[in-house]
Amino acid sequence: MTSNNSKLIFIATLSILSNGCANHSVSPDCAPVSANYIPVSTNYPDIGKHEPEYYLVKKDDTLYAISLLFDLDYGQLAQWNQIAPPSYTIRIGQKIRLSDPIWKKNSDLGSRGK
């Protein structure tokens, strides 16, 4: 019987907490209540807002992993950096260009003329 009472108290508590959040707009204070709930960290750089021009290769980096990190096609990344297939070899400390050098050059020319 004690086990059933504990379950009822737990369910009642969840109900009260979820009803409180249902009456408000979505906010961090009204996060889902669950034994498996893990808050999501937002302490990571927003690459899309300030896209870097280059990436400095670190230990264990691969061209493919870098392309995924910056949402780029690894084939284009290799072409922009003159990295030959099939090995796509990169070195620690190498600067990897993250944009098309021709597009960058043309956009710089266009902005100077205005």
N, C-alpha and C. Protein backbone atom coordinates (compact mmCIF):
# COMPACT_ATOMS: atom_id res chain seq x y z
N MET A 1 0.82 -1.19 0.00
CA MET A 1 0.00 0.00 0.00
C MET A 1 0.86 1.25 0.00
N THR A 2 1.97 1.23 0.72
CA THR A 2 2.86 2.38 0.76
C THR A 2 3.41 2.69 -0.62
N SER A 3 3.68 1.68 -1.38
CA SER A 3 4.18 1.86 -2.74
C SER A 3 3.16 2.58 -3.61
N ASN A 4 1.89 2.21 -3.48
CA ASN A 4 0.83 2.87 -4.25
C ASN A 4 0.67 4.33 -3.83
N ASN A 5 0.76 4.60 -2.52
CA ASN A 5 0.67 5.98 -2.04
C ASN A 5 1.81 6.83 -2.59
N SER A 6 3.00 6.27 -2.63
CA SER A 6 4.16 7.00 -3.15
C SER A 6 3.96 7.32 -4.63
N LYS A 7 3.44 6.36 -5.38
CA LYS A 7 3.18 6.58 -6.80
C LYS A 7 2.14 7.67 -7.01
N LEU A 8 1.07 7.65 -6.20
CA LEU A 8 0.02 8.66 -6.31
C LEU A 8 0.55 10.05 -5.98
N ILE A 9 1.37 10.14 -4.95
CA ILE A 9 1.96 11.43 -4.58
C ILE A 9 2.85 11.93 -5.71
N PHE A 10 3.64 11.04 -6.27
CA PHE A 10 4.52 11.41 -7.38
C PHE A 10 3.71 11.91 -8.58
N ILE A 11 2.66 11.19 -8.95
CA ILE A 11 1.82 11.58 -10.09
C ILE A 11 1.13 12.91 -9.80
N ALA A 12 0.64 13.09 -8.58
CA ALA A 12 -0.02 14.35 -8.22
C ALA A 12 0.97 15.52 -8.31
N THR A 13 2.18 15.31 -7.85
CA THR A 13 3.21 16.36 -7.92
C THR A 13 3.51 16.72 -9.36
N LEU A 14 3.67 15.72 -10.22
CA LEU A 14 3.92 15.98 -11.64
C LEU A 14 2.77 16.73 -12.27
N SER A 15 1.56 16.36 -11.90
CA SER A 15 0.38 17.02 -12.45
C SER A 15 0.34 18.50 -12.05
N ILE A 16 0.62 18.76 -10.80
CA ILE A 16 0.62 20.15 -10.31
C ILE A 16 1.70 20.96 -11.02
N LEU A 17 2.88 20.41 -11.14
CA LEU A 17 3.98 21.12 -11.81
C LEU A 17 3.68 21.36 -13.27
N SER A 18 3.14 20.37 -13.97
CA SER A 18 2.88 20.54 -15.39
C SER A 18 1.72 21.49 -15.64
N ASN A 19 0.71 21.50 -14.75
CA ASN A 19 -0.39 22.46 -14.89
C ASN A 19 0.09 23.88 -14.70
N GLY A 20 1.02 24.09 -13.82
CA GLY A 20 1.56 25.44 -13.62
C GLY A 20 2.24 25.95 -14.86
N CYS A 21 2.92 25.08 -15.57
CA CYS A 21 3.61 25.50 -16.78
C CYS A 21 2.67 25.65 -17.96
N ALA A 22 1.55 24.95 -17.94
CA ALA A 22 0.61 25.03 -19.05
C ALA A 22 -0.05 26.40 -19.13
N ASN A 23 -0.08 27.13 -18.03
CA ASN A 23 -0.72 28.43 -18.01
C ASN A 23 0.21 29.57 -18.39
N HIS A 24 1.46 29.27 -18.70
CA HIS A 24 2.44 30.29 -19.03
C HIS A 24 3.01 30.04 -20.41
N SER A 25 3.61 31.07 -20.98
CA SER A 25 4.31 30.86 -22.25
C SER A 25 5.53 30.00 -21.98
N VAL A 26 6.07 29.41 -23.02
CA VAL A 26 7.22 28.52 -22.87
C VAL A 26 8.40 29.31 -22.33
N SER A 27 8.98 28.80 -21.27
CA SER A 27 10.15 29.45 -20.67
C SER A 27 11.00 28.40 -20.01
N PRO A 28 12.25 28.74 -19.70
CA PRO A 28 13.12 27.77 -19.02
C PRO A 28 12.57 27.34 -17.67
N ASP A 29 11.74 28.18 -17.02
CA ASP A 29 11.17 27.82 -15.73
C ASP A 29 10.17 26.68 -15.85
N CYS A 30 9.61 26.48 -17.04
CA CYS A 30 8.60 25.46 -17.25
C CYS A 30 9.15 24.32 -18.08
N ALA A 31 10.32 23.87 -17.73
CA ALA A 31 10.94 22.75 -18.44
C ALA A 31 10.18 21.47 -18.09
N PRO A 32 10.17 20.51 -19.01
CA PRO A 32 9.49 19.24 -18.72
C PRO A 32 10.07 18.58 -17.48
N VAL A 33 9.23 18.02 -16.66
CA VAL A 33 9.68 17.34 -15.45
C VAL A 33 9.78 15.86 -15.77
N SER A 34 10.98 15.33 -15.66
CA SER A 34 11.21 13.93 -15.99
C SER A 34 12.47 13.48 -15.29
N ALA A 35 12.51 12.20 -14.99
CA ALA A 35 13.71 11.65 -14.36
C ALA A 35 14.89 11.71 -15.32
N ASN A 36 14.60 11.74 -16.64
CA ASN A 36 15.66 11.76 -17.65
C ASN A 36 15.95 13.17 -18.17
N TYR A 37 15.34 14.19 -17.58
CA TYR A 37 15.51 15.56 -18.07
C TYR A 37 16.93 16.03 -17.82
N ILE A 38 17.56 16.50 -18.89
CA ILE A 38 18.89 17.08 -18.80
C ILE A 38 18.84 18.42 -19.51
N PRO A 39 19.13 19.52 -18.83
CA PRO A 39 19.09 20.82 -19.49
C PRO A 39 20.12 20.89 -20.61
N VAL A 40 19.76 21.55 -21.68
CA VAL A 40 20.65 21.67 -22.82
C VAL A 40 21.53 22.90 -22.63
N SER A 41 22.81 22.73 -22.81
CA SER A 41 23.73 23.84 -22.67
C SER A 41 23.69 24.72 -23.91
N THR A 42 23.75 26.01 -23.70
CA THR A 42 23.85 26.94 -24.83
C THR A 42 25.19 27.65 -24.80
N ASN A 43 26.16 27.05 -24.12
CA ASN A 43 27.49 27.64 -24.01
C ASN A 43 28.39 27.15 -25.14
N TYR A 44 27.99 27.37 -26.36
CA TYR A 44 28.81 27.01 -27.51
C TYR A 44 28.78 28.17 -28.49
N PRO A 45 29.81 28.33 -29.28
CA PRO A 45 29.84 29.46 -30.20
C PRO A 45 28.79 29.31 -31.29
N ASP A 46 28.18 30.40 -31.67
CA ASP A 46 27.22 30.40 -32.76
C ASP A 46 28.00 30.69 -34.03
N ILE A 47 28.39 29.64 -34.71
CA ILE A 47 29.26 29.74 -35.88
C ILE A 47 28.59 30.54 -36.98
N GLY A 48 27.27 30.44 -37.12
CA GLY A 48 26.55 31.09 -38.20
C GLY A 48 26.58 32.60 -38.14
N LYS A 49 26.65 33.19 -36.96
CA LYS A 49 26.60 34.64 -36.84
C LYS A 49 27.91 35.31 -37.21
N HIS A 50 29.02 34.71 -36.84
CA HIS A 50 30.33 35.28 -37.11
C HIS A 50 31.20 34.20 -37.71
N GLU A 51 30.96 33.92 -38.97
CA GLU A 51 31.70 32.83 -39.60
C GLU A 51 33.17 33.20 -39.75
N PRO A 52 34.03 32.38 -39.20
CA PRO A 52 35.46 32.65 -39.35
C PRO A 52 35.89 32.37 -40.79
N GLU A 53 36.95 33.02 -41.20
CA GLU A 53 37.46 32.84 -42.56
C GLU A 53 38.35 31.60 -42.64
N TYR A 54 39.03 31.27 -41.54
CA TYR A 54 39.93 30.12 -41.51
C TYR A 54 39.69 29.29 -40.26
N TYR A 55 40.12 28.03 -40.32
CA TYR A 55 40.10 27.14 -39.18
C TYR A 55 41.50 26.59 -39.01
N LEU A 56 42.02 26.59 -37.79
CA LEU A 56 43.34 26.06 -37.49
C LEU A 56 43.21 24.60 -37.08
N VAL A 57 43.83 23.70 -37.84
CA VAL A 57 43.72 22.26 -37.62
C VAL A 57 44.36 21.87 -36.30
N LYS A 58 43.60 21.06 -35.53
CA LYS A 58 44.07 20.56 -34.24
C LYS A 58 44.29 19.05 -34.35
N LYS A 59 44.90 18.49 -33.31
CA LYS A 59 45.14 17.05 -33.27
C LYS A 59 43.83 16.29 -33.45
N ASP A 60 43.86 15.24 -34.22
CA ASP A 60 42.72 14.35 -34.50
C ASP A 60 41.65 14.96 -35.40
N ASP A 61 41.84 16.17 -35.92
CA ASP A 61 40.89 16.74 -36.88
C ASP A 61 40.99 16.01 -38.20
N THR A 62 39.88 15.93 -38.90
CA THR A 62 39.87 15.43 -40.27
C THR A 62 39.15 16.48 -41.11
N LEU A 63 39.40 16.45 -42.40
CA LEU A 63 38.74 17.40 -43.28
C LEU A 63 37.23 17.21 -43.22
N TYR A 64 36.81 15.96 -43.16
CA TYR A 64 35.38 15.67 -43.10
C TYR A 64 34.76 16.23 -41.82
N ALA A 65 35.42 16.05 -40.68
CA ALA A 65 34.90 16.56 -39.40
C ALA A 65 34.82 18.08 -39.41
N ILE A 66 35.81 18.73 -40.00
CA ILE A 66 35.80 20.20 -40.09
C ILE A 66 34.64 20.64 -40.97
N SER A 67 34.41 19.93 -42.07
CA SER A 67 33.30 20.30 -42.97
C SER A 67 31.96 20.16 -42.25
N LEU A 68 31.81 19.13 -41.42
CA LEU A 68 30.57 18.97 -40.66
C LEU A 68 30.41 20.08 -39.62
N LEU A 69 31.50 20.45 -38.99
CA LEU A 69 31.48 21.49 -37.96
C LEU A 69 30.96 22.81 -38.51
N PHE A 70 31.35 23.13 -39.75
CA PHE A 70 30.97 24.40 -40.34
C PHE A 70 29.89 24.27 -41.41
N ASP A 71 29.26 23.08 -41.48
CA ASP A 71 28.17 22.82 -42.43
C ASP A 71 28.60 23.12 -43.87
N LEU A 72 29.74 22.55 -44.24
CA LEU A 72 30.29 22.73 -45.58
C LEU A 72 30.47 21.38 -46.25
N ASP A 73 30.55 21.37 -47.56
CA ASP A 73 30.83 20.15 -48.31
C ASP A 73 32.33 19.89 -48.25
N TYR A 74 32.73 18.68 -47.86
CA TYR A 74 34.16 18.40 -47.70
C TYR A 74 34.90 18.46 -49.03
N GLY A 75 34.23 18.16 -50.14
CA GLY A 75 34.87 18.26 -51.45
C GLY A 75 35.21 19.69 -51.81
N GLN A 76 34.27 20.61 -51.53
CA GLN A 76 34.54 22.04 -51.78
C GLN A 76 35.65 22.54 -50.86
N LEU A 77 35.60 22.12 -49.61
CA LEU A 77 36.62 22.51 -48.63
C LEU A 77 37.99 22.07 -49.12
N ALA A 78 38.08 20.86 -49.63
CA ALA A 78 39.34 20.34 -50.16
C ALA A 78 39.78 21.16 -51.37
N GLN A 79 38.86 21.49 -52.25
CA GLN A 79 39.18 22.27 -53.45
C GLN A 79 39.66 23.67 -53.08
N TRP A 80 38.98 24.33 -52.16
CA TRP A 80 39.36 25.68 -51.75
C TRP A 80 40.75 25.72 -51.13
N ASN A 81 41.19 24.59 -50.57
CA ASN A 81 42.47 24.53 -49.87
C ASN A 81 43.52 23.70 -50.60
N GLN A 82 43.25 23.34 -51.85
CA GLN A 82 44.16 22.53 -52.67
C GLN A 82 44.60 21.27 -51.93
N ILE A 83 43.64 20.56 -51.33
CA ILE A 83 43.90 19.31 -50.63
C ILE A 83 43.43 18.19 -51.56
N ALA A 84 44.37 17.33 -51.93
CA ALA A 84 44.10 16.33 -52.96
C ALA A 84 43.45 15.06 -52.41
N PRO A 85 42.46 14.54 -53.17
CA PRO A 85 41.92 13.23 -52.83
C PRO A 85 42.91 12.16 -53.27
N PRO A 86 42.84 10.95 -52.87
CA PRO A 86 41.79 10.39 -52.03
C PRO A 86 42.09 10.51 -50.54
N SER A 87 43.30 10.89 -50.15
CA SER A 87 43.65 10.88 -48.71
C SER A 87 43.18 12.14 -47.98
N TYR A 88 43.05 13.26 -48.69
CA TYR A 88 42.64 14.53 -48.07
C TYR A 88 43.47 14.81 -46.81
N THR A 89 44.79 14.68 -46.93
CA THR A 89 45.69 14.83 -45.80
C THR A 89 45.78 16.29 -45.34
N ILE A 90 45.59 16.49 -44.03
CA ILE A 90 45.78 17.80 -43.41
C ILE A 90 46.76 17.63 -42.26
N ARG A 91 47.39 18.76 -41.85
CA ARG A 91 48.40 18.73 -40.79
C ARG A 91 47.98 19.61 -39.61
N ILE A 92 48.41 19.24 -38.43
CA ILE A 92 48.17 20.07 -37.24
C ILE A 92 48.81 21.44 -37.49
N GLY A 93 48.06 22.49 -37.19
CA GLY A 93 48.56 23.85 -37.37
C GLY A 93 48.25 24.43 -38.75
N GLN A 94 47.75 23.62 -39.66
CA GLN A 94 47.40 24.09 -41.01
C GLN A 94 46.16 24.98 -40.93
N LYS A 95 46.17 26.09 -41.69
CA LYS A 95 45.01 26.97 -41.77
C LYS A 95 44.13 26.48 -42.91
N ILE A 96 42.87 26.17 -42.60
CA ILE A 96 41.91 25.71 -43.59
C ILE A 96 40.97 26.86 -43.92
N ARG A 97 40.93 27.23 -45.18
CA ARG A 97 40.02 28.29 -45.64
C ARG A 97 38.59 27.75 -45.59
N LEU A 98 37.65 28.55 -45.05
CA LEU A 98 36.28 28.10 -44.88
C LEU A 98 35.30 28.74 -45.86
N SER A 99 35.82 29.41 -46.88
CA SER A 99 34.95 29.99 -47.89
C SER A 99 35.66 29.96 -49.24
N ASP A 100 34.89 30.13 -50.28
CA ASP A 100 35.42 30.11 -51.64
C ASP A 100 36.32 31.33 -51.85
N PRO A 101 37.61 31.13 -52.13
CA PRO A 101 38.51 32.28 -52.29
C PRO A 101 38.13 33.15 -53.48
N ILE A 102 37.56 32.59 -54.53
CA ILE A 102 37.16 33.39 -55.69
C ILE A 102 35.96 34.25 -55.35
N TRP A 103 34.96 33.68 -54.65
CA TRP A 103 33.79 34.44 -54.24
C TRP A 103 34.18 35.57 -53.32
N LYS A 104 35.08 35.31 -52.38
CA LYS A 104 35.55 36.33 -51.44
C LYS A 104 36.23 37.48 -52.18
N LYS A 105 37.08 37.12 -53.16
CA LYS A 105 37.79 38.12 -53.93
C LYS A 105 36.81 38.99 -54.72
N ASN A 106 35.81 38.38 -55.36
CA ASN A 106 34.83 39.12 -56.14
C ASN A 106 33.93 39.98 -55.26
N SER A 107 33.55 39.51 -54.08
CA SER A 107 32.70 40.31 -53.20
C SER A 107 33.46 41.49 -52.64
N ASP A 108 34.77 41.35 -52.41
CA ASP A 108 35.59 42.47 -51.95
C ASP A 108 35.68 43.55 -53.03
N LEU A 109 35.83 43.14 -54.27
CA LEU A 109 35.90 44.09 -55.38
C LEU A 109 34.61 44.86 -55.53
N GLY A 110 33.48 44.16 -55.40
CA GLY A 110 32.17 44.80 -55.55
C GLY A 110 31.90 45.82 -54.47
N SER A 111 32.34 45.58 -53.26
CA SER A 111 32.06 46.51 -52.16
C SER A 111 32.96 47.75 -52.23
N ARG A 112 34.10 47.66 -52.88
CA ARG A 112 35.00 48.82 -52.98
C ARG A 112 34.50 49.84 -54.00
N GLY A 113 33.76 49.37 -54.99
CA GLY A 113 33.33 50.26 -56.05
C GLY A 113 32.17 51.14 -55.68
N LYS A 114 31.55 50.91 -54.54
CA LYS A 114 30.37 51.68 -54.14
C LYS A 114 30.69 52.78 -53.19
